[in-house]
Amino acid sequence: MREFHFRLNIPAHEYLAYYQGAAREVVAMSAEGLRVRFPADALRPFVTHAGIQGAFVLRVGADNKLQSLQRVGD
């Protein structure tokens, strides 16, 4: 299993496009300098009135499919 560390700062008005289905994927730059792409709906548990902010860890299996997404800090 591989894991990627990254930070997100998506204001509520920007996440609305993801929530409404206009955008299906989120692309983030990992701390390791790799571009990470994952389904936008994986972020739904982390949405607040302000949007989505914080540090996250994304874990993928050997097939590069999303296994888990966890918020690990502000």
N, C-alpha and C. Protein backbone atom coordinates (compact mmCIF):
# COMPACT_ATOMS: atom_id res chain seq x y z
N MET A 1 0.84 -1.17 0.00
CA MET A 1 0.00 0.00 0.00
C MET A 1 0.89 1.24 0.00
N ARG A 2 0.57 2.19 -0.88
CA ARG A 2 1.31 3.45 -0.94
C ARG A 2 0.48 4.54 -0.28
N GLU A 3 1.16 5.55 0.25
CA GLU A 3 0.42 6.67 0.81
C GLU A 3 1.04 7.98 0.34
N PHE A 4 0.16 8.97 0.22
CA PHE A 4 0.55 10.29 -0.25
C PHE A 4 0.05 11.33 0.75
N HIS A 5 0.90 12.26 1.09
CA HIS A 5 0.58 13.33 2.04
C HIS A 5 0.41 14.63 1.26
N PHE A 6 -0.66 15.36 1.54
CA PHE A 6 -0.88 16.63 0.86
C PHE A 6 -1.79 17.51 1.70
N ARG A 7 -1.81 18.78 1.36
CA ARG A 7 -2.67 19.76 2.01
C ARG A 7 -3.70 20.25 1.00
N LEU A 8 -4.89 20.53 1.51
CA LEU A 8 -5.95 21.10 0.67
C LEU A 8 -6.47 22.37 1.31
N ASN A 9 -6.82 23.32 0.47
CA ASN A 9 -7.49 24.54 0.90
C ASN A 9 -8.48 24.89 -0.20
N ILE A 10 -9.65 24.28 -0.15
CA ILE A 10 -10.68 24.48 -1.16
C ILE A 10 -11.83 25.26 -0.51
N PRO A 11 -12.02 26.52 -0.90
CA PRO A 11 -13.13 27.30 -0.34
C PRO A 11 -14.48 26.65 -0.69
N ALA A 12 -15.47 26.91 0.13
CA ALA A 12 -16.80 26.31 -0.04
C ALA A 12 -17.36 26.56 -1.44
N HIS A 13 -17.22 27.77 -1.96
CA HIS A 13 -17.78 28.07 -3.28
C HIS A 13 -17.10 27.27 -4.39
N GLU A 14 -15.82 26.92 -4.22
CA GLU A 14 -15.13 26.10 -5.22
C GLU A 14 -15.55 24.63 -5.09
N TYR A 15 -15.70 24.15 -3.86
CA TYR A 15 -16.09 22.75 -3.68
C TYR A 15 -17.50 22.49 -4.20
N LEU A 16 -18.31 23.53 -4.28
CA LEU A 16 -19.67 23.39 -4.78
C LEU A 16 -19.67 22.75 -6.18
N ALA A 17 -18.70 23.07 -7.01
CA ALA A 17 -18.60 22.46 -8.35
C ALA A 17 -18.40 20.95 -8.24
N TYR A 18 -17.60 20.52 -7.27
CA TYR A 18 -17.40 19.09 -7.05
C TYR A 18 -18.68 18.46 -6.53
N TYR A 19 -19.28 19.11 -5.57
CA TYR A 19 -20.48 18.59 -4.92
C TYR A 19 -21.63 18.43 -5.92
N GLN A 20 -21.75 19.38 -6.84
CA GLN A 20 -22.82 19.34 -7.83
C GLN A 20 -22.51 18.40 -9.00
N GLY A 21 -21.31 17.83 -9.01
CA GLY A 21 -20.97 16.87 -10.05
C GLY A 21 -20.32 17.47 -11.27
N ALA A 22 -20.11 18.78 -11.29
CA ALA A 22 -19.46 19.42 -12.43
C ALA A 22 -18.00 18.97 -12.55
N ALA A 23 -17.38 18.68 -11.43
CA ALA A 23 -16.01 18.16 -11.40
C ALA A 23 -16.05 16.84 -10.65
N ARG A 24 -15.47 15.81 -11.24
CA ARG A 24 -15.55 14.49 -10.64
C ARG A 24 -14.29 14.10 -9.88
N GLU A 25 -13.18 14.75 -10.20
CA GLU A 25 -11.91 14.38 -9.58
C GLU A 25 -11.22 15.61 -8.99
N VAL A 26 -10.43 15.35 -7.97
CA VAL A 26 -9.58 16.37 -7.36
C VAL A 26 -8.14 15.99 -7.69
N VAL A 27 -7.35 16.99 -8.02
CA VAL A 27 -5.93 16.77 -8.26
C VAL A 27 -5.17 17.61 -7.24
N ALA A 28 -4.28 16.97 -6.51
CA ALA A 28 -3.48 17.65 -5.49
C ALA A 28 -2.01 17.30 -5.70
N MET A 29 -1.14 18.19 -5.26
CA MET A 29 0.30 17.92 -5.31
C MET A 29 0.72 17.39 -3.95
N SER A 30 1.31 16.21 -3.96
CA SER A 30 1.73 15.59 -2.70
C SER A 30 3.00 16.26 -2.17
N ALA A 31 3.27 16.06 -0.90
CA ALA A 31 4.50 16.58 -0.29
C ALA A 31 5.74 16.01 -0.97
N GLU A 32 5.58 14.85 -1.60
CA GLU A 32 6.69 14.20 -2.31
C GLU A 32 6.87 14.75 -3.73
N GLY A 33 5.99 15.69 -4.13
CA GLY A 33 6.08 16.30 -5.46
C GLY A 33 5.36 15.54 -6.55
N LEU A 34 4.48 14.61 -6.18
CA LEU A 34 3.72 13.84 -7.15
C LEU A 34 2.30 14.37 -7.27
N ARG A 35 1.76 14.33 -8.46
CA ARG A 35 0.37 14.72 -8.67
C ARG A 35 -0.52 13.55 -8.30
N VAL A 36 -1.48 13.80 -7.42
CA VAL A 36 -2.39 12.76 -6.93
C VAL A 36 -3.79 13.11 -7.39
N ARG A 37 -4.45 12.16 -8.04
CA ARG A 37 -5.81 12.35 -8.54
C ARG A 37 -6.72 11.33 -7.87
N PHE A 38 -7.88 11.83 -7.35
CA PHE A 38 -8.80 10.92 -6.67
C PHE A 38 -10.23 11.46 -6.82
N PRO A 39 -11.23 10.59 -6.60
CA PRO A 39 -12.63 11.01 -6.76
C PRO A 39 -13.01 12.11 -5.76
N ALA A 40 -13.68 13.14 -6.25
CA ALA A 40 -14.08 14.27 -5.40
C ALA A 40 -15.01 13.84 -4.28
N ASP A 41 -15.83 12.84 -4.51
CA ASP A 41 -16.77 12.44 -3.46
C ASP A 41 -16.08 11.85 -2.23
N ALA A 42 -14.80 11.49 -2.34
CA ALA A 42 -14.05 11.00 -1.17
C ALA A 42 -13.87 12.10 -0.12
N LEU A 43 -14.03 13.36 -0.53
CA LEU A 43 -13.85 14.48 0.38
C LEU A 43 -15.12 14.87 1.13
N ARG A 44 -16.24 14.31 0.79
CA ARG A 44 -17.51 14.72 1.42
C ARG A 44 -17.50 14.68 2.94
N PRO A 45 -16.88 13.69 3.57
CA PRO A 45 -16.88 13.68 5.05
C PRO A 45 -16.12 14.85 5.67
N PHE A 46 -15.31 15.55 4.88
CA PHE A 46 -14.45 16.60 5.40
C PHE A 46 -14.94 18.01 5.08
N VAL A 47 -16.08 18.13 4.44
CA VAL A 47 -16.61 19.43 4.04
C VAL A 47 -17.19 20.16 5.26
N THR A 48 -16.81 21.42 5.41
CA THR A 48 -17.38 22.29 6.43
C THR A 48 -17.99 23.50 5.73
N HIS A 49 -18.57 24.40 6.49
CA HIS A 49 -19.14 25.62 5.91
C HIS A 49 -18.07 26.45 5.21
N ALA A 50 -16.83 26.33 5.66
CA ALA A 50 -15.72 27.08 5.08
C ALA A 50 -15.12 26.38 3.86
N GLY A 51 -15.50 25.14 3.62
CA GLY A 51 -14.93 24.35 2.51
C GLY A 51 -14.16 23.17 3.06
N ILE A 52 -13.00 22.94 2.48
CA ILE A 52 -12.14 21.83 2.92
C ILE A 52 -10.73 22.37 3.12
N GLN A 53 -10.24 22.27 4.33
CA GLN A 53 -8.88 22.69 4.64
C GLN A 53 -8.23 21.62 5.50
N GLY A 54 -6.92 21.48 5.33
CA GLY A 54 -6.18 20.60 6.21
C GLY A 54 -5.16 19.74 5.50
N ALA A 55 -4.50 18.93 6.32
CA ALA A 55 -3.52 17.97 5.83
C ALA A 55 -4.20 16.60 5.75
N PHE A 56 -3.89 15.88 4.68
CA PHE A 56 -4.54 14.59 4.43
C PHE A 56 -3.51 13.53 4.07
N VAL A 57 -3.90 12.29 4.29
CA VAL A 57 -3.13 11.13 3.83
C VAL A 57 -4.07 10.29 2.98
N LEU A 58 -3.65 10.03 1.77
CA LEU A 58 -4.41 9.18 0.84
C LEU A 58 -3.64 7.88 0.68
N ARG A 59 -4.34 6.77 0.85
CA ARG A 59 -3.70 5.45 0.69
C ARG A 59 -4.32 4.74 -0.50
N VAL A 60 -3.45 4.15 -1.31
CA VAL A 60 -3.90 3.39 -2.48
C VAL A 60 -3.32 1.99 -2.41
N GLY A 61 -4.03 1.04 -3.04
CA GLY A 61 -3.56 -0.33 -3.11
C GLY A 61 -2.57 -0.52 -4.24
N ALA A 62 -2.16 -1.75 -4.45
CA ALA A 62 -1.21 -2.08 -5.50
C ALA A 62 -1.75 -1.72 -6.88
N ASP A 63 -3.08 -1.68 -7.01
CA ASP A 63 -3.71 -1.33 -8.28
C ASP A 63 -3.94 0.18 -8.43
N ASN A 64 -3.38 0.97 -7.48
CA ASN A 64 -3.51 2.42 -7.44
C ASN A 64 -4.95 2.90 -7.22
N LYS A 65 -5.80 2.05 -6.70
CA LYS A 65 -7.17 2.44 -6.37
C LYS A 65 -7.22 2.93 -4.94
N LEU A 66 -8.05 3.94 -4.71
CA LEU A 66 -8.20 4.54 -3.40
C LEU A 66 -8.61 3.51 -2.36
N GLN A 67 -7.84 3.43 -1.29
CA GLN A 67 -8.17 2.57 -0.16
C GLN A 67 -8.75 3.38 0.99
N SER A 68 -8.10 4.54 1.27
CA SER A 68 -8.61 5.40 2.35
C SER A 68 -8.09 6.82 2.17
N LEU A 69 -8.85 7.74 2.74
CA LEU A 69 -8.47 9.15 2.79
C LEU A 69 -8.73 9.61 4.22
N GLN A 70 -7.71 10.15 4.85
CA GLN A 70 -7.81 10.53 6.25
C GLN A 70 -7.27 11.95 6.43
N ARG A 71 -8.01 12.75 7.19
CA ARG A 71 -7.52 14.08 7.56
C ARG A 71 -6.62 13.91 8.77
N VAL A 72 -5.41 14.46 8.70
CA VAL A 72 -4.44 14.24 9.77
C VAL A 72 -4.00 15.53 10.46
N GLY A 73 -4.56 16.66 10.07
CA GLY A 73 -4.19 17.90 10.73
C GLY A 73 -4.75 19.11 10.02
N ASP A 74 -4.50 20.25 10.63
CA ASP A 74 -4.98 21.53 10.08
C ASP A 74 -4.06 22.08 9.03
